[in-house]
Amino acid sequence: MQDFRSLLVWQKSRTLVRGIYELTRRFPSTERFGLTQQTRSAATSIAVNIAEGCGRYGRREFGRFLSVSLGSAFELESHLELARDLGFADPHLVDVLLGDCSEIRRMLVAFSKSLNQQ
């Protein structure tokens, strides 16, 4: 068990969540219970599952939560692409957030591999 706040991947995920909330504030109000909620949920899930995994005992269990975080990162990327396609978001901002998400995915994969090697 470790302090999730000290993990760079969690810190970056937290920053990503703030960016996603800023982005989705500009989505149409008709998407409040659709793409807005799903996008926010996927982003939040990345950070929350890292934190929850830190509270578990054992590397294997922690690894499962990192895997869920990774899946949420892929889900978030899909939501961002859809938001761009539908004209809900500035394409440049979407590119920035996709880059952040990609970096977090790489960090999650590396972290998972390091857990498995310990």
PDB file of N, CA and C in Angstrom:
ATOM      1  N   MET A   1       0.851  -1.178   0.000  1.00  0.00           N
ATOM      2  CA  MET A   1       0.000   0.000   0.000  1.00  0.00           C
ATOM      3  C   MET A   1       0.896   1.240   0.000  1.00  0.00           C
ATOM      4  N   GLN A   2       0.553   2.207  -0.861  1.00  0.00           N
ATOM      5  CA  GLN A   2       1.346   3.427  -0.933  1.00  0.00           C
ATOM      6  C   GLN A   2       0.436   4.634  -1.088  1.00  0.00           C
ATOM      7  N   ASP A   3       1.008   5.802  -0.925  1.00  0.00           N
ATOM      8  CA  ASP A   3       0.246   7.044  -1.034  1.00  0.00           C
ATOM      9  C   ASP A   3       0.076   7.392  -2.509  1.00  0.00           C
ATOM     10  N   PHE A   4      -1.143   7.337  -3.010  1.00  0.00           N
ATOM     11  CA  PHE A   4      -1.407   7.612  -4.422  1.00  0.00           C
ATOM     12  C   PHE A   4      -1.046   9.039  -4.799  1.00  0.00           C
ATOM     13  N   ARG A   5      -1.109   9.971  -3.839  1.00  0.00           N
ATOM     14  CA  ARG A   5      -0.807  11.369  -4.127  1.00  0.00           C
ATOM     15  C   ARG A   5       0.637  11.581  -4.578  1.00  0.00           C
ATOM     16  N   SER A   6       1.504  10.659  -4.209  1.00  0.00           N
ATOM     17  CA  SER A   6       2.914  10.791  -4.584  1.00  0.00           C
ATOM     18  C   SER A   6       3.204  10.244  -5.978  1.00  0.00           C
ATOM     19  N   LEU A   7       2.240   9.580  -6.592  1.00  0.00           N
ATOM     20  CA  LEU A   7       2.447   8.986  -7.909  1.00  0.00           C
ATOM     21  C   LEU A   7       2.249  10.028  -9.014  1.00  0.00           C
ATOM     22  N   LEU A   8       3.250  10.169  -9.861  1.00  0.00           N
ATOM     23  CA  LEU A   8       3.180  11.131 -10.958  1.00  0.00           C
ATOM     24  C   LEU A   8       2.006  10.814 -11.890  1.00  0.00           C
ATOM     25  N   VAL A   9       1.733   9.551 -12.124  1.00  0.00           N
ATOM     26  CA  VAL A   9       0.632   9.181 -13.012  1.00  0.00           C
ATOM     27  C   VAL A   9      -0.706   9.627 -12.421  1.00  0.00           C
ATOM     28  N   TRP A  10      -0.860   9.563 -11.110  1.00  0.00           N
ATOM     29  CA  TRP A  10      -2.095  10.043 -10.492  1.00  0.00           C
ATOM     30  C   TRP A  10      -2.172  11.572 -10.597  1.00  0.00           C
ATOM     31  N   GLN A  11      -1.053  12.245 -10.365  1.00  0.00           N
ATOM     32  CA  GLN A  11      -1.029  13.702 -10.450  1.00  0.00           C
ATOM     33  C   GLN A  11      -1.406  14.175 -11.851  1.00  0.00           C
ATOM     34  N   LYS A  12      -0.860  13.512 -12.867  1.00  0.00           N
ATOM     35  CA  LYS A  12      -1.190  13.869 -14.248  1.00  0.00           C
ATOM     36  C   LYS A  12      -2.650  13.550 -14.564  1.00  0.00           C
ATOM     37  N   SER A  13      -3.152  12.470 -14.010  1.00  0.00           N
ATOM     38  CA  SER A  13      -4.552  12.106 -14.218  1.00  0.00           C
ATOM     39  C   SER A  13      -5.473  13.156 -13.606  1.00  0.00           C
ATOM     40  N   ARG A  14      -5.099  13.642 -12.462  1.00  0.00           N
ATOM     41  CA  ARG A  14      -5.886  14.678 -11.783  1.00  0.00           C
ATOM     42  C   ARG A  14      -5.914  15.964 -12.620  1.00  0.00           C
ATOM     43  N   THR A  15      -4.786  16.309 -13.183  1.00  0.00           N
ATOM     44  CA  THR A  15      -4.723  17.483 -14.053  1.00  0.00           C
ATOM     45  C   THR A  15      -5.586  17.272 -15.299  1.00  0.00           C
ATOM     46  N   LEU A  16      -5.549  16.054 -15.834  1.00  0.00           N
ATOM     47  CA  LEU A  16      -6.370  15.729 -16.998  1.00  0.00           C
ATOM     48  C   LEU A  16      -7.859  15.882 -16.675  1.00  0.00           C
ATOM     49  N   VAL A  17      -8.271  15.457 -15.514  1.00  0.00           N
ATOM     50  CA  VAL A  17      -9.679  15.591 -15.124  1.00  0.00           C
ATOM     51  C   VAL A  17     -10.096  17.057 -15.138  1.00  0.00           C
ATOM     52  N   ARG A  18      -9.260  17.917 -14.618  1.00  0.00           N
ATOM     53  CA  ARG A  18      -9.585  19.353 -14.625  1.00  0.00           C
ATOM     54  C   ARG A  18      -9.744  19.863 -16.061  1.00  0.00           C
ATOM     55  N   GLY A  19      -8.848  19.429 -16.955  1.00  0.00           N
ATOM     56  CA  GLY A  19      -8.950  19.829 -18.358  1.00  0.00           C
ATOM     57  C   GLY A  19     -10.213  19.314 -19.019  1.00  0.00           C
ATOM     58  N   ILE A  20     -10.604  18.102 -18.677  1.00  0.00           N
ATOM     59  CA  ILE A  20     -11.824  17.517 -19.235  1.00  0.00           C
ATOM     60  C   ILE A  20     -13.053  18.274 -18.744  1.00  0.00           C
ATOM     61  N   TYR A  21     -13.073  18.641 -17.481  1.00  0.00           N
ATOM     62  CA  TYR A  21     -14.211  19.405 -16.967  1.00  0.00           C
ATOM     63  C   TYR A  21     -14.304  20.770 -17.654  1.00  0.00           C
ATOM     64  N   GLU A  22     -13.171  21.397 -17.888  1.00  0.00           N
ATOM     65  CA  GLU A  22     -13.168  22.676 -18.607  1.00  0.00           C
ATOM     66  C   GLU A  22     -13.711  22.497 -20.020  1.00  0.00           C
ATOM     67  N   LEU A  23     -13.257  21.464 -20.694  1.00  0.00           N
ATOM     68  CA  LEU A  23     -13.692  21.191 -22.063  1.00  0.00           C
ATOM     69  C   LEU A  23     -15.187  20.915 -22.120  1.00  0.00           C
ATOM     70  N   THR A  24     -15.676  20.057 -21.239  1.00  0.00           N
ATOM     71  CA  THR A  24     -17.071  19.630 -21.311  1.00  0.00           C
ATOM     72  C   THR A  24     -18.051  20.706 -20.858  1.00  0.00           C
ATOM     73  N   ARG A  25     -17.577  21.720 -20.168  1.00  0.00           N
ATOM     74  CA  ARG A  25     -18.462  22.844 -19.816  1.00  0.00           C
ATOM     75  C   ARG A  25     -19.007  23.518 -21.073  1.00  0.00           C
ATOM     76  N   ARG A  26     -18.271  23.386 -22.166  1.00  0.00           N
ATOM     77  CA  ARG A  26     -18.658  24.036 -23.419  1.00  0.00           C
ATOM     78  C   ARG A  26     -19.521  23.136 -24.304  1.00  0.00           C
ATOM     79  N   PHE A  27     -19.743  21.896 -23.891  1.00  0.00           N
ATOM     80  CA  PHE A  27     -20.587  20.997 -24.673  1.00  0.00           C
ATOM     81  C   PHE A  27     -22.031  21.505 -24.634  1.00  0.00           C
ATOM     82  N   PRO A  28     -22.817  21.155 -25.642  1.00  0.00           N
ATOM     83  CA  PRO A  28     -24.229  21.574 -25.635  1.00  0.00           C
ATOM     84  C   PRO A  28     -24.963  21.041 -24.402  1.00  0.00           C
ATOM     85  N   SER A  29     -25.919  21.810 -23.934  1.00  0.00           N
ATOM     86  CA  SER A  29     -26.669  21.385 -22.748  1.00  0.00           C
ATOM     87  C   SER A  29     -27.440  20.095 -23.006  1.00  0.00           C
ATOM     88  N   THR A  30     -27.754  19.813 -24.260  1.00  0.00           N
ATOM     89  CA  THR A  30     -28.454  18.568 -24.594  1.00  0.00           C
ATOM     90  C   THR A  30     -27.585  17.337 -24.332  1.00  0.00           C
ATOM     91  N   GLU A  31     -26.287  17.542 -24.180  1.00  0.00           N
ATOM     92  CA  GLU A  31     -25.356  16.433 -23.925  1.00  0.00           C
ATOM     93  C   GLU A  31     -25.041  16.253 -22.440  1.00  0.00           C
ATOM     94  N   ARG A  32     -25.734  17.001 -21.607  1.00  0.00           N
ATOM     95  CA  ARG A  32     -25.455  16.965 -20.171  1.00  0.00           C
ATOM     96  C   ARG A  32     -25.481  15.553 -19.601  1.00  0.00           C
ATOM     97  N   PHE A  33     -26.427  14.742 -20.030  1.00  0.00           N
ATOM     98  CA  PHE A  33     -26.535  13.370 -19.529  1.00  0.00           C
ATOM     99  C   PHE A  33     -26.018  12.360 -20.542  1.00  0.00           C
ATOM    100  N   GLY A  34     -25.395  12.841 -21.576  1.00  0.00           N
ATOM    101  CA  GLY A  34     -24.842  11.979 -22.609  1.00  0.00           C
ATOM    102  C   GLY A  34     -23.323  12.049 -22.614  1.00  0.00           C
ATOM    103  N   LEU A  35     -22.801  12.640 -23.665  1.00  0.00           N
ATOM    104  CA  LEU A  35     -21.347  12.661 -23.849  1.00  0.00           C
ATOM    105  C   LEU A  35     -20.623  13.430 -22.745  1.00  0.00           C
ATOM    106  N   THR A  36     -21.227  14.466 -22.218  1.00  0.00           N
ATOM    107  CA  THR A  36     -20.588  15.227 -21.131  1.00  0.00           C
ATOM    108  C   THR A  36     -20.352  14.327 -19.923  1.00  0.00           C
ATOM    109  N   GLN A  37     -21.387  13.661 -19.479  1.00  0.00           N
ATOM    110  CA  GLN A  37     -21.282  12.807 -18.299  1.00  0.00           C
ATOM    111  C   GLN A  37     -20.336  11.635 -18.549  1.00  0.00           C
ATOM    112  N   GLN A  38     -20.423  11.014 -19.714  1.00  0.00           N
ATOM    113  CA  GLN A  38     -19.574   9.865 -20.009  1.00  0.00           C
ATOM    114  C   GLN A  38     -18.102  10.257 -20.098  1.00  0.00           C
ATOM    115  N   THR A  39     -17.828  11.411 -20.687  1.00  0.00           N
ATOM    116  CA  THR A  39     -16.456  11.885 -20.814  1.00  0.00           C
ATOM    117  C   THR A  39     -15.864  12.198 -19.445  1.00  0.00           C
ATOM    118  N   ARG A  40     -16.626  12.873 -18.634  1.00  0.00           N
ATOM    119  CA  ARG A  40     -16.165  13.192 -17.283  1.00  0.00           C
ATOM    120  C   ARG A  40     -15.956  11.925 -16.455  1.00  0.00           C
ATOM    121  N   SER A  41     -16.856  11.002 -16.582  1.00  0.00           N
ATOM    122  CA  SER A  41     -16.757   9.748 -15.829  1.00  0.00           C
ATOM    123  C   SER A  41     -15.511   8.954 -16.220  1.00  0.00           C
ATOM    124  N   ALA A  42     -15.237   8.875 -17.511  1.00  0.00           N
ATOM    125  CA  ALA A  42     -14.055   8.138 -17.972  1.00  0.00           C
ATOM    126  C   ALA A  42     -12.780   8.792 -17.444  1.00  0.00           C
ATOM    127  N   ALA A  43     -12.711  10.113 -17.495  1.00  0.00           N
ATOM    128  CA  ALA A  43     -11.524  10.819 -17.007  1.00  0.00           C
ATOM    129  C   ALA A  43     -11.343  10.618 -15.507  1.00  0.00           C
ATOM    130  N   THR A  44     -12.421  10.756 -14.771  1.00  0.00           N
ATOM    131  CA  THR A  44     -12.364  10.589 -13.323  1.00  0.00           C
ATOM    132  C   THR A  44     -11.968   9.167 -12.952  1.00  0.00           C
ATOM    133  N   SER A  45     -12.444   8.208 -13.707  1.00  0.00           N
ATOM    134  CA  SER A  45     -12.159   6.806 -13.434  1.00  0.00           C
ATOM    135  C   SER A  45     -10.668   6.489 -13.482  1.00  0.00           C
ATOM    136  N   ILE A  46      -9.941   7.183 -14.331  1.00  0.00           N
ATOM    137  CA  ILE A  46      -8.495   6.941 -14.425  1.00  0.00           C
ATOM    138  C   ILE A  46      -7.845   7.222 -13.073  1.00  0.00           C
ATOM    139  N   ALA A  47      -8.059   8.419 -12.563  1.00  0.00           N
ATOM    140  CA  ALA A  47      -7.431   8.823 -11.297  1.00  0.00           C
ATOM    141  C   ALA A  47      -7.967   8.028 -10.115  1.00  0.00           C
ATOM    142  N   VAL A  48      -9.273   7.813 -10.094  1.00  0.00           N
ATOM    143  CA  VAL A  48      -9.901   7.139  -8.956  1.00  0.00           C
ATOM    144  C   VAL A  48      -9.427   5.688  -8.835  1.00  0.00           C
ATOM    145  N   ASN A  49      -9.274   5.006  -9.952  1.00  0.00           N
ATOM    146  CA  ASN A  49      -8.829   3.613  -9.891  1.00  0.00           C
ATOM    147  C   ASN A  49      -7.359   3.489  -9.505  1.00  0.00           C
ATOM    148  N   ILE A  50      -6.550   4.459  -9.869  1.00  0.00           N
ATOM    149  CA  ILE A  50      -5.163   4.475  -9.390  1.00  0.00           C
ATOM    150  C   ILE A  50      -5.167   4.602  -7.870  1.00  0.00           C
ATOM    151  N   ALA A  51      -5.963   5.545  -7.374  1.00  0.00           N
ATOM    152  CA  ALA A  51      -6.036   5.760  -5.922  1.00  0.00           C
ATOM    153  C   ALA A  51      -6.567   4.522  -5.212  1.00  0.00           C
ATOM    154  N   GLU A  52      -7.623   3.939  -5.735  1.00  0.00           N
ATOM    155  CA  GLU A  52      -8.194   2.764  -5.087  1.00  0.00           C
ATOM    156  C   GLU A  52      -7.216   1.592  -5.099  1.00  0.00           C
ATOM    157  N   GLY A  53      -6.520   1.429  -6.198  1.00  0.00           N
ATOM    158  CA  GLY A  53      -5.525   0.357  -6.282  1.00  0.00           C
ATOM    159  C   GLY A  53      -4.424   0.511  -5.249  1.00  0.00           C
ATOM    160  N   CYS A  54      -4.048   1.748  -4.973  1.00  0.00           N
ATOM    161  CA  CYS A  54      -3.020   1.995  -3.953  1.00  0.00           C
ATOM    162  C   CYS A  54      -3.476   1.539  -2.575  1.00  0.00           C
ATOM    163  N   GLY A  55      -4.761   1.532  -2.357  1.00  0.00           N
ATOM    164  CA  GLY A  55      -5.288   1.136  -1.060  1.00  0.00           C
ATOM    165  C   GLY A  55      -5.475  -0.363  -0.909  1.00  0.00           C
ATOM    166  N   ARG A  56      -5.173  -1.096  -1.945  1.00  0.00           N
ATOM    167  CA  ARG A  56      -5.329  -2.552  -1.899  1.00  0.00           C
ATOM    168  C   ARG A  56      -4.022  -3.210  -1.480  1.00  0.00           C
ATOM    169  N   TYR A  57      -4.147  -4.408  -0.983  1.00  0.00           N
ATOM    170  CA  TYR A  57      -2.964  -5.160  -0.577  1.00  0.00           C
ATOM    171  C   TYR A  57      -2.556  -6.083  -1.706  1.00  0.00           C
ATOM    172  N   GLY A  58      -1.322  -6.020  -2.053  1.00  0.00           N
ATOM    173  CA  GLY A  58      -0.778  -6.905  -3.068  1.00  0.00           C
ATOM    174  C   GLY A  58      -0.667  -6.257  -4.434  1.00  0.00           C
ATOM    175  N   ARG A  59       0.402  -6.599  -5.114  1.00  0.00           N
ATOM    176  CA  ARG A  59       0.668  -6.039  -6.439  1.00  0.00           C
ATOM    177  C   ARG A  59      -0.359  -6.500  -7.467  1.00  0.00           C
ATOM    178  N   ARG A  60      -0.781  -7.746  -7.342  1.00  0.00           N
ATOM    179  CA  ARG A  60      -1.716  -8.283  -8.324  1.00  0.00           C
ATOM    180  C   ARG A  60      -3.042  -7.511  -8.316  1.00  0.00           C
ATOM    181  N   GLU A  61      -3.542  -7.263  -7.131  1.00  0.00           N
ATOM    182  CA  GLU A  61      -4.793  -6.524  -7.015  1.00  0.00           C
ATOM    183  C   GLU A  61      -4.623  -5.079  -7.486  1.00  0.00           C
ATOM    184  N   PHE A  62      -3.502  -4.469  -7.129  1.00  0.00           N
ATOM    185  CA  PHE A  62      -3.208  -3.117  -7.587  1.00  0.00           C
ATOM    186  C   PHE A  62      -3.156  -3.097  -9.114  1.00  0.00           C
ATOM    187  N   GLY A  63      -2.538  -4.113  -9.691  1.00  0.00           N
ATOM    188  CA  GLY A  63      -2.446  -4.204 -11.147  1.00  0.00           C
ATOM    189  C   GLY A  63      -3.802  -4.239 -11.829  1.00  0.00           C
ATOM    190  N   ARG A  64      -4.772  -4.896 -11.207  1.00  0.00           N
ATOM    191  CA  ARG A  64      -6.126  -4.934 -11.777  1.00  0.00           C
ATOM    192  C   ARG A  64      -6.727  -3.524 -11.848  1.00  0.00           C
ATOM    193  N   PHE A  65      -6.492  -2.733 -10.821  1.00  0.00           N
ATOM    194  CA  PHE A  65      -7.021  -1.372 -10.825  1.00  0.00           C
ATOM    195  C   PHE A  65      -6.301  -0.499 -11.854  1.00  0.00           C
ATOM    196  N   LEU A  66      -5.022  -0.738 -12.045  1.00  0.00           N
ATOM    197  CA  LEU A  66      -4.300  -0.011 -13.089  1.00  0.00           C
ATOM    198  C   LEU A  66      -4.846  -0.389 -14.464  1.00  0.00           C
ATOM    199  N   SER A  67      -5.219  -1.648 -14.615  1.00  0.00           N
ATOM    200  CA  SER A  67      -5.811  -2.102 -15.872  1.00  0.00           C
ATOM    201  C   SER A  67      -7.146  -1.408 -16.140  1.00  0.00           C
ATOM    202  N   VAL A  68      -7.936  -1.237 -15.106  1.00  0.00           N
ATOM    203  CA  VAL A  68      -9.209  -0.510 -15.255  1.00  0.00           C
ATOM    204  C   VAL A  68      -8.927   0.942 -15.634  1.00  0.00           C
ATOM    205  N   SER A  69      -7.920   1.541 -15.020  1.00  0.00           N
ATOM    206  CA  SER A  69      -7.541   2.913 -15.366  1.00  0.00           C
ATOM    207  C   SER A  69      -7.142   3.009 -16.833  1.00  0.00           C
ATOM    208  N   LEU A  70      -6.397   2.032 -17.294  1.00  0.00           N
ATOM    209  CA  LEU A  70      -5.968   2.011 -18.689  1.00  0.00           C
ATOM    210  C   LEU A  70      -7.181   1.920 -19.619  1.00  0.00           C
ATOM    211  N   GLY A  71      -8.120   1.063 -19.291  1.00  0.00           N
ATOM    212  CA  GLY A  71      -9.332   0.958 -20.093  1.00  0.00           C
ATOM    213  C   GLY A  71     -10.099   2.273 -20.127  1.00  0.00           C
ATOM    214  N   SER A  72     -10.150   2.950 -19.002  1.00  0.00           N
ATOM    215  CA  SER A  72     -10.835   4.246 -18.938  1.00  0.00           C
ATOM    216  C   SER A  72     -10.120   5.283 -19.792  1.00  0.00           C
ATOM    217  N   ALA A  73      -8.801   5.202 -19.860  1.00  0.00           N
ATOM    218  CA  ALA A  73      -8.042   6.134 -20.697  1.00  0.00           C
ATOM    219  C   ALA A  73      -8.387   5.932 -22.174  1.00  0.00           C
ATOM    220  N   PHE A  74      -8.502   4.675 -22.584  1.00  0.00           N
ATOM    221  CA  PHE A  74      -8.905   4.409 -23.966  1.00  0.00           C
ATOM    222  C   PHE A  74     -10.336   4.897 -24.213  1.00  0.00           C
ATOM    223  N   GLU A  75     -11.214   4.679 -23.256  1.00  0.00           N
ATOM    224  CA  GLU A  75     -12.593   5.147 -23.373  1.00  0.00           C
ATOM    225  C   GLU A  75     -12.619   6.665 -23.509  1.00  0.00           C
ATOM    226  N   LEU A  76     -11.828   7.343 -22.700  1.00  0.00           N
ATOM    227  CA  LEU A  76     -11.768   8.801 -22.753  1.00  0.00           C
ATOM    228  C   LEU A  76     -11.299   9.278 -24.127  1.00  0.00           C
ATOM    229  N   GLU A  77     -10.301   8.622 -24.676  1.00  0.00           N
ATOM    230  CA  GLU A  77      -9.816   9.016 -26.005  1.00  0.00           C
ATOM    231  C   GLU A  77     -10.937   8.904 -27.038  1.00  0.00           C
ATOM    232  N   SER A  78     -11.730   7.863 -26.955  1.00  0.00           N
ATOM    233  CA  SER A  78     -12.846   7.696 -27.880  1.00  0.00           C
ATOM    234  C   SER A  78     -13.877   8.813 -27.711  1.00  0.00           C
ATOM    235  N   HIS A  79     -14.192   9.155 -26.480  1.00  0.00           N
ATOM    236  CA  HIS A  79     -15.135  10.253 -26.228  1.00  0.00           C
ATOM    237  C   HIS A  79     -14.605  11.573 -26.785  1.00  0.00           C
ATOM    238  N   LEU A  80     -13.319  11.814 -26.620  1.00  0.00           N
ATOM    239  CA  LEU A  80     -12.731  13.052 -27.141  1.00  0.00           C
ATOM    240  C   LEU A  80     -12.801  13.102 -28.660  1.00  0.00           C
ATOM    241  N   GLU A  81     -12.531  11.987 -29.307  1.00  0.00           N
ATOM    242  CA  GLU A  81     -12.618  11.936 -30.770  1.00  0.00           C
ATOM    243  C   GLU A  81     -14.053  12.206 -31.224  1.00  0.00           C
ATOM    244  N   LEU A  82     -15.018  11.618 -30.525  1.00  0.00           N
ATOM    245  CA  LEU A  82     -16.423  11.851 -30.864  1.00  0.00           C
ATOM    246  C   LEU A  82     -16.808  13.319 -30.672  1.00  0.00           C
ATOM    247  N   ALA A  83     -16.347  13.915 -29.588  1.00  0.00           N
ATOM    248  CA  ALA A  83     -16.647  15.324 -29.323  1.00  0.00           C
ATOM    249  C   ALA A  83     -16.101  16.205 -30.440  1.00  0.00           C
ATOM    250  N   ARG A  84     -14.912  15.876 -30.915  1.00  0.00           N
ATOM    251  CA  ARG A  84     -14.333  16.643 -32.026  1.00  0.00           C
ATOM    252  C   ARG A  84     -15.161  16.419 -33.297  1.00  0.00           C
ATOM    253  N   ASP A  85     -15.479  15.163 -33.589  1.00  0.00           N
ATOM    254  CA  ASP A  85     -16.255  14.832 -34.791  1.00  0.00           C
ATOM    255  C   ASP A  85     -17.608  15.539 -34.815  1.00  0.00           C
ATOM    256  N   LEU A  86     -18.220  15.656 -33.647  1.00  0.00           N
ATOM    257  CA  LEU A  86     -19.542  16.264 -33.548  1.00  0.00           C
ATOM    258  C   LEU A  86     -19.496  17.794 -33.455  1.00  0.00           C
ATOM    259  N   GLY A  87     -18.286  18.352 -33.421  1.00  0.00           N
ATOM    260  CA  GLY A  87     -18.130  19.799 -33.358  1.00  0.00           C
ATOM    261  C   GLY A  87     -18.394  20.391 -31.990  1.00  0.00           C
ATOM    262  N   PHE A  88     -18.304  19.566 -30.943  1.00  0.00           N
ATOM    263  CA  PHE A  88     -18.551  20.040 -29.584  1.00  0.00           C
ATOM    264  C   PHE A  88     -17.310  20.669 -28.947  1.00  0.00           C
ATOM    265  N   ALA A  89     -16.146  20.413 -29.536  1.00  0.00           N
ATOM    266  CA  ALA A  89     -14.905  20.828 -28.877  1.00  0.00           C
ATOM    267  C   ALA A  89     -13.918  21.385 -29.892  1.00  0.00           C
ATOM    268  N   ASP A  90     -13.108  22.303 -29.421  1.00  0.00           N
ATOM    269  CA  ASP A  90     -12.031  22.879 -30.226  1.00  0.00           C
ATOM    270  C   ASP A  90     -11.039  21.774 -30.582  1.00  0.00           C
ATOM    271  N   PRO A  91     -10.801  21.532 -31.865  1.00  0.00           N
ATOM    272  CA  PRO A  91      -9.900  20.443 -32.270  1.00  0.00           C
ATOM    273  C   PRO A  91      -8.499  20.541 -31.667  1.00  0.00           C
ATOM    274  N   HIS A  92      -7.981  21.754 -31.523  1.00  0.00           N
ATOM    275  CA  HIS A  92      -6.647  21.913 -30.932  1.00  0.00           C
ATOM    276  C   HIS A  92      -6.642  21.469 -29.471  1.00  0.00           C
ATOM    277  N   LEU A  93      -7.655  21.865 -28.721  1.00  0.00           N
ATOM    278  CA  LEU A  93      -7.743  21.475 -27.313  1.00  0.00           C
ATOM    279  C   LEU A  93      -7.907  19.965 -27.184  1.00  0.00           C
ATOM    280  N   VAL A  94      -8.686  19.374 -28.076  1.00  0.00           N
ATOM    281  CA  VAL A  94      -8.837  17.923 -28.069  1.00  0.00           C
ATOM    282  C   VAL A  94      -7.488  17.258 -28.305  1.00  0.00           C
ATOM    283  N   ASP A  95      -6.709  17.787 -29.241  1.00  0.00           N
ATOM    284  CA  ASP A  95      -5.377  17.218 -29.504  1.00  0.00           C
ATOM    285  C   ASP A  95      -4.482  17.280 -28.264  1.00  0.00           C
ATOM    286  N   VAL A  96      -4.541  18.390 -27.555  1.00  0.00           N
ATOM    287  CA  VAL A  96      -3.741  18.534 -26.328  1.00  0.00           C
ATOM    288  C   VAL A  96      -4.167  17.490 -25.296  1.00  0.00           C
ATOM    289  N   LEU A  97      -5.470  17.352 -25.102  1.00  0.00           N
ATOM    290  CA  LEU A  97      -5.972  16.392 -24.114  1.00  0.00           C
ATOM    291  C   LEU A  97      -5.700  14.947 -24.538  1.00  0.00           C
ATOM    292  N   LEU A  98      -5.775  14.674 -25.839  1.00  0.00           N
ATOM    293  CA  LEU A  98      -5.430  13.339 -26.329  1.00  0.00           C
ATOM    294  C   LEU A  98      -3.957  13.033 -26.069  1.00  0.00           C
ATOM    295  N   GLY A  99      -3.108  14.038 -26.226  1.00  0.00           N
ATOM    296  CA  GLY A  99      -1.681  13.860 -25.926  1.00  0.00           C
ATOM    297  C   GLY A  99      -1.459  13.562 -24.452  1.00  0.00           C
ATOM    298  N   ASP A 100      -2.167  14.274 -23.590  1.00  0.00           N
ATOM    299  CA  ASP A 100      -2.074  14.022 -22.150  1.00  0.00           C
ATOM    300  C   ASP A 100      -2.543  12.612 -21.816  1.00  0.00           C
ATOM    301  N   CYS A 101      -3.633  12.232 -22.436  1.00  0.00           N
ATOM    302  CA  CYS A 101      -4.203  10.905 -22.196  1.00  0.00           C
ATOM    303  C   CYS A 101      -3.243   9.813 -22.669  1.00  0.00           C
ATOM    304  N   SER A 102      -2.633  10.021 -23.803  1.00  0.00           N
ATOM    305  CA  SER A 102      -1.661   9.062 -24.335  1.00  0.00           C
ATOM    306  C   SER A 102      -0.458   8.911 -23.403  1.00  0.00           C
ATOM    307  N   GLU A 103       0.002  10.021 -22.865  1.00  0.00           N
ATOM    308  CA  GLU A 103       1.121   9.973 -21.916  1.00  0.00           C
ATOM    309  C   GLU A 103       0.732   9.183 -20.663  1.00  0.00           C
ATOM    310  N   ILE A 104      -0.463   9.408 -20.180  1.00  0.00           N
ATOM    311  CA  ILE A 104      -0.941   8.684 -18.994  1.00  0.00           C
ATOM    312  C   ILE A 104      -1.059   7.193 -19.295  1.00  0.00           C
ATOM    313  N   ARG A 105      -1.537   6.851 -20.489  1.00  0.00           N
ATOM    314  CA  ARG A 105      -1.619   5.435 -20.867  1.00  0.00           C
ATOM    315  C   ARG A 105      -0.239   4.781 -20.833  1.00  0.00           C
ATOM    316  N   ARG A 106       0.751   5.449 -21.401  1.00  0.00           N
ATOM    317  CA  ARG A 106       2.119   4.907 -21.397  1.00  0.00           C
ATOM    318  C   ARG A 106       2.636   4.735 -19.967  1.00  0.00           C
ATOM    319  N   MET A 107       2.334   5.697 -19.118  1.00  0.00           N
ATOM    320  CA  MET A 107       2.761   5.613 -17.724  1.00  0.00           C
ATOM    321  C   MET A 107       2.084   4.442 -17.014  1.00  0.00           C
ATOM    322  N   LEU A 108       0.804   4.242 -17.286  1.00  0.00           N
ATOM    323  CA  LEU A 108       0.079   3.127 -16.660  1.00  0.00           C
ATOM    324  C   LEU A 108       0.645   1.785 -17.097  1.00  0.00           C
ATOM    325  N   VAL A 109       0.968   1.656 -18.371  1.00  0.00           N
ATOM    326  CA  VAL A 109       1.537   0.408 -18.878  1.00  0.00           C
ATOM    327  C   VAL A 109       2.893   0.157 -18.219  1.00  0.00           C
ATOM    328  N   ALA A 110       3.727   1.178 -18.156  1.00  0.00           N
ATOM    329  CA  ALA A 110       5.048   1.026 -17.540  1.00  0.00           C
ATOM    330  C   ALA A 110       4.929   0.683 -16.056  1.00  0.00           C
ATOM    331  N   PHE A 111       4.007   1.336 -15.381  1.00  0.00           N
ATOM    332  CA  PHE A 111       3.792   1.076 -13.953  1.00  0.00           C
ATOM    333  C   PHE A 111       3.326  -0.369 -13.740  1.00  0.00           C
ATOM    334  N   SER A 112       2.393  -0.808 -14.567  1.00  0.00           N
ATOM    335  CA  SER A 112       1.900  -2.177 -14.470  1.00  0.00           C
ATOM    336  C   SER A 112       3.029  -3.186 -14.682  1.00  0.00           C
ATOM    337  N   LYS A 113       3.867  -2.922 -15.675  1.00  0.00           N
ATOM    338  CA  LYS A 113       4.996  -3.824 -15.930  1.00  0.00           C
ATOM    339  C   LYS A 113       5.955  -3.867 -14.759  1.00  0.00           C
ATOM    340  N   SER A 114       6.193  -2.703 -14.154  1.00  0.00           N
ATOM    341  CA  SER A 114       7.112  -2.682 -13.007  1.00  0.00           C
ATOM    342  C   SER A 114       6.529  -3.432 -11.820  1.00  0.00           C
ATOM    343  N   LEU A 115       5.216  -3.377 -11.633  1.00  0.00           N
ATOM    344  CA  LEU A 115       4.571  -4.136 -10.552  1.00  0.00           C
ATOM    345  C   LEU A 115       4.742  -5.637 -10.777  1.00  0.00           C
ATOM    346  N   ASN A 116       4.591  -6.051 -12.028  1.00  0.00           N
ATOM    347  CA  ASN A 116       4.705  -7.474 -12.356  1.00  0.00           C
ATOM    348  C   ASN A 116       6.125  -8.001 -12.199  1.00  0.00           C
ATOM    349  N   GLN A 117       7.105  -7.129 -12.325  1.00  0.00           N
ATOM    350  CA  GLN A 117       8.507  -7.550 -12.238  1.00  0.00           C
ATOM    351  C   GLN A 117       9.008  -7.595 -10.799  1.00  0.00           C
ATOM    352  N   GLN A 118       8.284  -7.003  -9.897  1.00  0.00           N
ATOM    353  CA  GLN A 118       8.719  -6.961  -8.490  1.00  0.00           C
ATOM    354  C   GLN A 118       8.472  -8.294  -7.811  1.00  0.00           C
TER     355      GLN A 118
END
